C-alpha atoms as a PDB file:
ATOM      1  CA  MET A   1     -51.924  14.686  35.948  1.00  0.00           C
ATOM      2  CA  ASN A   2     -50.671  16.085  32.189  1.00  0.00           C
ATOM      3  CA  ASP A   3     -47.863  18.791  32.055  1.00  0.00           C
ATOM      4  CA  ASP A   4     -47.863  19.030  28.469  1.00  0.00           C
ATOM      5  CA  LEU A   5     -49.646  22.088  26.268  1.00  0.00           C
ATOM      6  CA  ILE A   6     -52.644  21.202  25.217  1.00  0.00           C
ATOM      7  CA  PRO A   7     -54.407  24.119  23.030  1.00  0.00           C
ATOM      8  CA  ASN A   8     -57.745  25.046  23.530  1.00  0.00           C
ATOM      9  CA  ALA A   9     -59.823  25.063  20.318  1.00  0.00           C
ATOM     10  CA  GLY A  10     -59.182  28.153  18.520  1.00  0.00           C
ATOM     11  CA  ASP A  11     -56.265  29.494  19.902  1.00  0.00           C
ATOM     12  CA  ARG A  12     -53.333  30.440  17.682  1.00  0.00           C
ATOM     13  CA  ILE A  13     -50.094  30.663  19.841  1.00  0.00           C
ATOM     14  CA  ILE A  14     -46.386  31.771  19.470  1.00  0.00           C
ATOM     15  CA  CYS A  15     -44.143  30.324  21.917  1.00  0.00           C
ATOM     16  CA  VAL A  16     -40.966  32.198  22.075  1.00  0.00           C
ATOM     17  CA  LYS A  17     -37.671  30.914  24.771  1.00  0.00           C
ATOM     18  CA  VAL A  18     -36.449  34.090  26.479  1.00  0.00           C
ATOM     19  CA  GLY A  19     -34.470  31.922  29.282  1.00  0.00           C
ATOM     20  CA  LYS A  20     -31.114  33.326  28.383  1.00  0.00           C
ATOM     21  CA  VAL A  21     -32.332  36.775  27.032  1.00  0.00           C
ATOM     22  CA  ARG A  22     -32.011  39.437  29.826  1.00  0.00           C
ATOM     23  CA  ARG A  23     -34.362  42.783  29.502  1.00  0.00           C
ATOM     24  CA  GLU A  24     -35.722  45.267  31.347  1.00  0.00           C
ATOM     25  CA  ASN A  25     -38.717  42.898  32.709  1.00  0.00           C
ATOM     26  CA  PHE A  26     -40.094  39.741  32.528  1.00  0.00           C
ATOM     27  CA  TYR A  27     -42.541  41.732  29.355  1.00  0.00           C
ATOM     28  CA  GLU A  28     -40.147  43.185  27.804  1.00  0.00           C
ATOM     29  CA  MET A  29     -37.939  39.932  27.273  1.00  0.00           C
ATOM     30  CA  ALA A  30     -41.215  37.982  25.813  1.00  0.00           C
ATOM     31  CA  ARG A  31     -42.385  40.881  23.588  1.00  0.00           C
ATOM     32  CA  LYS A  32     -39.012  41.834  21.607  1.00  0.00           C
ATOM     33  CA  TYR A  33     -37.072  41.359  18.653  1.00  0.00           C
ATOM     34  CA  TRP A  34     -38.712  38.111  16.946  1.00  0.00           C
ATOM     35  CA  ARG A  35     -37.654  36.488  13.720  1.00  0.00           C
ATOM     36  CA  VAL A  36     -41.389  35.500  12.790  1.00  0.00           C
ATOM     37  CA  ASP A  37     -43.393  35.724  10.202  1.00  0.00           C
ATOM     38  CA  GLY A  38     -45.349  38.736  10.502  1.00  0.00           C
ATOM     39  CA  ILE A  39     -48.419  37.894   8.606  1.00  0.00           C
ATOM     40  CA  ARG A  40     -48.719  34.858  11.162  1.00  0.00           C
ATOM     41  CA  ALA A  41     -47.805  36.952  13.897  1.00  0.00           C
ATOM     42  CA  THR A  42     -50.730  39.554  13.890  1.00  0.00           C
ATOM     43  CA  ARG A  43     -53.086  36.281  13.818  1.00  0.00           C
ATOM     44  CA  SER A  44     -51.942  34.797  16.812  1.00  0.00           C
ATOM     45  CA  ASN A  45     -53.975  35.393  20.081  1.00  0.00           C
ATOM     46  CA  HIS A  46     -51.840  34.526  22.951  1.00  0.00           C
ATOM     47  CA  VAL A  47     -47.877  34.270  22.977  1.00  0.00           C
ATOM     48  CA  LEU A  48     -46.485  31.963  25.229  1.00  0.00           C
ATOM     49  CA  ALA A  49     -43.013  33.318  26.997  1.00  0.00           C
ATOM     50  CA  ILE A  50     -41.060  30.004  27.246  1.00  0.00           C
ATOM     51  CA  VAL A  51     -37.836  28.953  30.047  1.00  0.00           C
ATOM     52  CA  ASP A  52     -36.402  25.788  30.050  1.00  0.00           C
ATOM     53  CA  GLY A  53     -39.585  24.444  27.934  1.00  0.00           C
ATOM     54  CA  VAL A  54     -41.950  25.394  30.167  1.00  0.00           C
ATOM     55  CA  VAL A  55     -44.862  28.600  30.171  1.00  0.00           C
ATOM     56  CA  LYS A  56     -43.947  31.383  32.415  1.00  0.00           C
ATOM     57  CA  GLU A  57     -46.190  33.866  31.528  1.00  0.00           C
ATOM     58  CA  ASP A  58     -49.000  34.133  28.685  1.00  0.00           C
ATOM     59  CA  TYR A  59     -49.704  37.425  26.756  1.00  0.00           C
ATOM     60  CA  THR A  60     -52.383  38.635  24.510  1.00  0.00           C
ATOM     61  CA  PRO A  61     -51.137  40.754  21.620  1.00  0.00           C
ATOM     62  CA  SER A  62     -53.006  43.646  21.055  1.00  0.00           C
ATOM     63  CA  SER A  63     -50.480  44.627  17.709  1.00  0.00           C
ATOM     64  CA  TRP A  64     -47.472  43.046  16.137  1.00  0.00           C
ATOM     65  CA  ASN A  65     -44.972  45.596  14.329  1.00  0.00           C
ATOM     66  CA  LEU A  66     -41.126  45.845  12.644  1.00  0.00           C
ATOM     67  CA  THR A  67     -39.211  46.722  15.529  1.00  0.00           C
ATOM     68  CA  ASP A  68     -37.615  50.661  14.984  1.00  0.00           C
ATOM     69  CA  ASN A  69     -34.225  49.737  16.830  1.00  0.00           C
ATOM     70  CA  PRO A  70     -31.466  49.219  14.024  1.00  0.00           C
ATOM     71  CA  LYS A  71     -29.540  46.849  16.205  1.00  0.00           C
ATOM     72  CA  TYR A  72     -32.823  44.596  15.266  1.00  0.00           C
ATOM     73  CA  GLU A  73     -33.636  45.165  11.366  1.00  0.00           C
ATOM     74  CA  GLY A  74     -36.170  42.682  10.091  1.00  0.00           C
ATOM     75  CA  ARG A  75     -37.282  41.321  13.644  1.00  0.00           C
ATOM     76  CA  TRP A  76     -40.944  42.235  15.220  1.00  0.00           C
ATOM     77  CA  GLU A  77     -42.267  42.793  18.627  1.00  0.00           C
ATOM     78  CA  PHE A  78     -45.887  43.224  19.818  1.00  0.00           C
ATOM     79  CA  GLU A  79     -47.692  45.251  22.562  1.00  0.00           C
ATOM     80  CA  GLY A  80     -50.446  42.868  24.622  1.00  0.00           C
ATOM     81  CA  LYS A  81     -51.204  42.588  28.137  1.00  0.00           C
ATOM     82  CA  PRO A  82     -50.963  39.701  30.181  1.00  0.00           C
ATOM     83  CA  VAL A  83     -53.586  37.087  30.619  1.00  0.00           C
ATOM     84  CA  GLU A  84     -54.795  36.175  34.112  1.00  0.00           C
ATOM     85  CA  ASN A  85     -55.092  32.611  35.518  1.00  0.00           C
ATOM     86  CA  SER A  86     -54.161  31.422  32.091  1.00  0.00           C
ATOM     87  CA  VAL A  87     -54.772  27.554  32.146  1.00  0.00           C
ATOM     88  CA  TYR A  88     -51.299  27.522  30.163  1.00  0.00           C
ATOM     89  CA  ILE A  89     -48.411  28.557  32.681  1.00  0.00           C
ATOM     90  CA  GLY A  90     -46.447  26.031  34.148  1.00  0.00           C
ATOM     91  CA  LYS A  91     -47.596  23.426  31.056  1.00  0.00           C
ATOM     92  CA  SER A  92     -44.111  21.503  29.077  1.00  0.00           C
ATOM     93  CA  VAL A  93     -44.152  22.519  25.794  1.00  0.00           C
ATOM     94  CA  ALA A  94     -40.996  20.481  25.086  1.00  0.00           C
ATOM     95  CA  SER A  95     -42.877  18.709  22.615  1.00  0.00           C
ATOM     96  CA  TYR A  96     -43.645  20.924  20.333  1.00  0.00           C
ATOM     97  CA  TYR A  97     -39.411  22.000  20.136  1.00  0.00           C
ATOM     98  CA  GLY A  98     -37.909  18.395  19.688  1.00  0.00           C
ATOM     99  CA  LYS A  99     -34.151  19.149  18.928  1.00  0.00           C
ATOM    100  CA  SER A 100     -35.251  22.786  17.620  1.00  0.00           C
ATOM    101  CA  GLN A 101     -32.703  25.562  18.217  1.00  0.00           C
ATOM    102  CA  ASN A 102     -35.341  27.991  16.421  1.00  0.00           C
ATOM    103  CA  PRO A 103     -36.361  30.438  19.827  1.00  0.00           C
ATOM    104  CA  VAL A 104     -39.969  31.096  18.319  1.00  0.00           C
ATOM    105  CA  LYS A 105     -43.025  28.276  17.580  1.00  0.00           C
ATOM    106  CA  TYR A 106     -46.081  28.553  16.320  1.00  0.00           C
ATOM    107  CA  ILE A 107     -48.731  26.236  17.679  1.00  0.00           C
ATOM    108  CA  ASN A 108     -52.378  25.438  16.059  1.00  0.00           C
ATOM    109  CA  MET A 109     -51.492  28.979  13.139  1.00  0.00           C
END
């Protein structure tokens, strides 16, 4: 069984590393304060929350907006819903990140 993430055709994915961030809950950890390309972000149909190189949650974003939190000026956040029974949960994205320190990775975008 292959545990590497293989995106479905047509899925436009943003991966966000959330392992070292502490916020109210997992959704809040995944959705806020990212340095992303706003145009690319609005084209995404999945946001994957990554911990230690593995997908822990999958969200369908309904909107992306610049945050109104002055501490994170210029960063983006999304509103969305969890994807039930996502095929991506538990899959490794390590091959997409390589040695990159960037917490955001685009797949099929």
